[in-house]
C-alpha atoms as a PDB file:
ATOM      1  CA  MET A   1      84.596 109.451 100.100  1.00  0.00           C
ATOM      2  CA  SER A   2      85.472 112.688  98.350  1.00  0.00           C
ATOM      3  CA  GLY A   3      88.285 113.001  95.809  1.00  0.00           C
ATOM      4  CA  VAL A   4      90.536 114.919  98.189  1.00  0.00           C
ATOM      5  CA  LYS A   5      90.189 112.286 100.909  1.00  0.00           C
ATOM      6  CA  LYS A   6      90.912 109.490  98.450  1.00  0.00           C
ATOM      7  CA  GLU A   7      94.025 111.276  97.227  1.00  0.00           C
ATOM      8  CA  PHE A   8      95.164 111.884 100.818  1.00  0.00           C
ATOM      9  CA  VAL A   9      94.699 108.224 101.742  1.00  0.00           C
ATOM     10  CA  HIS A  10      96.535 107.160  98.581  1.00  0.00           C
ATOM     11  CA  LEU A  11      99.493 109.465  99.346  1.00  0.00           C
ATOM     12  CA  LEU A  12      99.555 108.381 102.979  1.00  0.00           C
ATOM     13  CA  ALA A  13      99.663 104.734 101.943  1.00  0.00           C
ATOM     14  CA  ASN A  14     102.461 105.334  99.436  1.00  0.00           C
ATOM     15  CA  TYR A  15     104.667 107.283 101.827  1.00  0.00           C
ATOM     16  CA  GLY A  16     103.928 104.932 104.713  1.00  0.00           C
ATOM     17  CA  HIS A  17     105.008 102.058 102.492  1.00  0.00           C
ATOM     18  CA  VAL A  18     108.258 103.856 101.657  1.00  0.00           C
ATOM     19  CA  GLY A  19     109.104 104.495 105.308  1.00  0.00           C
ATOM     20  CA  PHE A  20     108.306 100.971 106.389  1.00  0.00           C
ATOM     21  CA  THR A  21     110.232  99.408 103.503  1.00  0.00           C
ATOM     22  CA  PHE A  22     113.236 101.690 104.029  1.00  0.00           C
ATOM     23  CA  ALA A  23     113.472 100.865 107.727  1.00  0.00           C
ATOM     24  CA  THR A  24     112.854  97.148 107.173  1.00  0.00           C
ATOM     25  CA  SER A  25     115.564  96.954 104.498  1.00  0.00           C
ATOM     26  CA  ILE A  26     118.130  98.493 106.820  1.00  0.00           C
ATOM     27  CA  VAL A  27     117.185  96.272 109.768  1.00  0.00           C
ATOM     28  CA  LEU A  28     117.214  93.092 107.666  1.00  0.00           C
ATOM     29  CA  GLY A  29     120.577  93.957 106.105  1.00  0.00           C
ATOM     30  CA  PHE A  30     122.078  94.692 109.509  1.00  0.00           C
ATOM     31  CA  ALA A  31     120.590  91.540 111.041  1.00  0.00           C
ATOM     32  CA  GLY A  32     121.879  89.432 108.154  1.00  0.00           C
ATOM     33  CA  GLY A  33     125.367  90.844 108.628  1.00  0.00           C
ATOM     34  CA  VAL A  34     125.298  90.188 112.357  1.00  0.00           C
ATOM     35  CA  LEU A  35     124.031  86.661 111.728  1.00  0.00           C
ATOM     36  CA  LEU A  36     126.893  85.987 109.322  1.00  0.00           C
ATOM     37  CA  ASP A  37     129.472  87.444 111.687  1.00  0.00           C
ATOM     38  CA  GLN A  38     128.283  85.721 114.847  1.00  0.00           C
ATOM     39  CA  LYS A  39     126.712  82.427 113.795  1.00  0.00           C
ATOM     40  CA  VAL A  40     128.400  81.459 110.550  1.00  0.00           C
ATOM     41  CA  PHE A  41     131.933  82.722 111.169  1.00  0.00           C
ATOM     42  CA  ASN A  42     131.847  82.592 115.003  1.00  0.00           C
ATOM     43  CA  GLY A  43     132.795  86.262 115.383  1.00  0.00           C
ATOM     44  CA  LYS A  44     136.060  85.931 113.445  1.00  0.00           C
ATOM     45  CA  THR A  45     134.940  88.395 110.783  1.00  0.00           C
ATOM     46  CA  ALA A  46     133.174  90.866 113.091  1.00  0.00           C
ATOM     47  CA  PRO A  47     132.250  93.623 112.269  1.00  0.00           C
ATOM     48  CA  TRP A  48     132.875  93.293 108.524  1.00  0.00           C
ATOM     49  CA  PHE A  49     129.768  91.396 107.487  1.00  0.00           C
ATOM     50  CA  THR A  50     127.707  93.608 109.781  1.00  0.00           C
ATOM     51  CA  PHE A  51     128.929  96.670 107.883  1.00  0.00           C
ATOM     52  CA  ILE A  52     128.432  94.970 104.525  1.00  0.00           C
ATOM     53  CA  GLY A  53     124.903  93.887 105.457  1.00  0.00           C
ATOM     54  CA  LEU A  54     124.095  97.375 106.695  1.00  0.00           C
ATOM     55  CA  ALA A  55     125.385  98.881 103.436  1.00  0.00           C
ATOM     56  CA  PHE A  56     123.270  96.460 101.378  1.00  0.00           C
ATOM     57  CA  GLY A  57     120.230  97.297 103.522  1.00  0.00           C
ATOM     58  CA  ILE A  58     120.725 101.029 103.044  1.00  0.00           C
ATOM     59  CA  ALA A  59     121.214 100.533  99.295  1.00  0.00           C
ATOM     60  CA  ALA A  60     118.030  98.453  99.091  1.00  0.00           C
ATOM     61  CA  GLY A  61     116.128 101.145 100.997  1.00  0.00           C
ATOM     62  CA  TYR A  62     117.307 103.878  98.638  1.00  0.00           C
ATOM     63  CA  LYS A  63     116.487 101.731  95.614  1.00  0.00           C
ATOM     64  CA  THR A  64     112.936 101.393  96.890  1.00  0.00           C
ATOM     65  CA  LEU A  65     112.765 105.133  97.479  1.00  0.00           C
ATOM     66  CA  LEU A  66     113.950 105.846  93.929  1.00  0.00           C
ATOM     67  CA  ASP A  67     111.428 103.369  92.500  1.00  0.00           C
ATOM     68  CA  VAL A  68     108.590 105.149  94.301  1.00  0.00           C
ATOM     69  CA  VAL A  69     109.831 108.536  93.061  1.00  0.00           C
ATOM     70  CA  ARG A  70     109.931 107.246  89.461  1.00  0.00           C
ATOM     71  CA  VAL A  71     106.396 105.887  89.738  1.00  0.00           C
ATOM     72  CA  ALA A  72     105.174 109.169  91.244  1.00  0.00           C
ATOM     73  CA  GLN A  73     106.795 111.167  88.441  1.00  0.00           C
ATOM     74  CA  ALA A  74     105.256 108.914  85.813  1.00  0.00           C
ATOM     75  CA  ASP A  75     101.879 109.337  87.526  1.00  0.00           C
ATOM     76  CA  GLU A  76     102.219 113.126  87.502  1.00  0.00           C
ATOM     77  CA  LYS A  77     103.149 113.156  83.816  1.00  0.00           C
ATOM     78  CA  ARG A  78     100.191 110.907  82.984  1.00  0.00           C
ATOM     79  CA  GLN A  79      97.805 113.101  84.980  1.00  0.00           C
ATOM     80  CA  ALA A  80      99.146 116.260  83.331  1.00  0.00           C
ATOM     81  CA  ARG A  81      98.721 114.680  79.886  1.00  0.00           C
ATOM     82  CA  GLU A  82      95.152 113.638  80.703  1.00  0.00           C
ATOM     83  CA  GLU A  83      94.378 117.111  82.043  1.00  0.00           C
ATOM     84  CA  GLN A  84      95.769 118.712  78.900  1.00  0.00           C
ATOM     85  CA  GLU A  85      93.710 116.371  76.704  1.00  0.00           C
ATOM     86  CA  ARG A  86      90.565 117.291  78.649  1.00  0.00           C
ATOM     87  CA  HIS A  87      91.210 121.010  78.144  1.00  0.00           C
ATOM     88  CA  GLU A  88      91.816 120.540  74.415  1.00  0.00           C
ATOM     89  CA  ARG A  89      88.392 118.948  73.895  1.00  0.00           C
END
């Protein structure tokens, strides 16, 4: 596989992971809130735990997104440093 194809597959995997993780975090947070509201507290607290679970899910999704951005920035800096070292030789 050529270098461009490898890079494309790598980027596709990273961004696919971000989308899947973001959506899964939101769904799991929402489902956890609904579970707490309906099963644990028999609907007495509805919709409060649903909202709280949804907020935690959204926060977890954004945290994952920020982690991926930090890793990508570190990767770019490392690649730029390596490229500069190659040109200096």
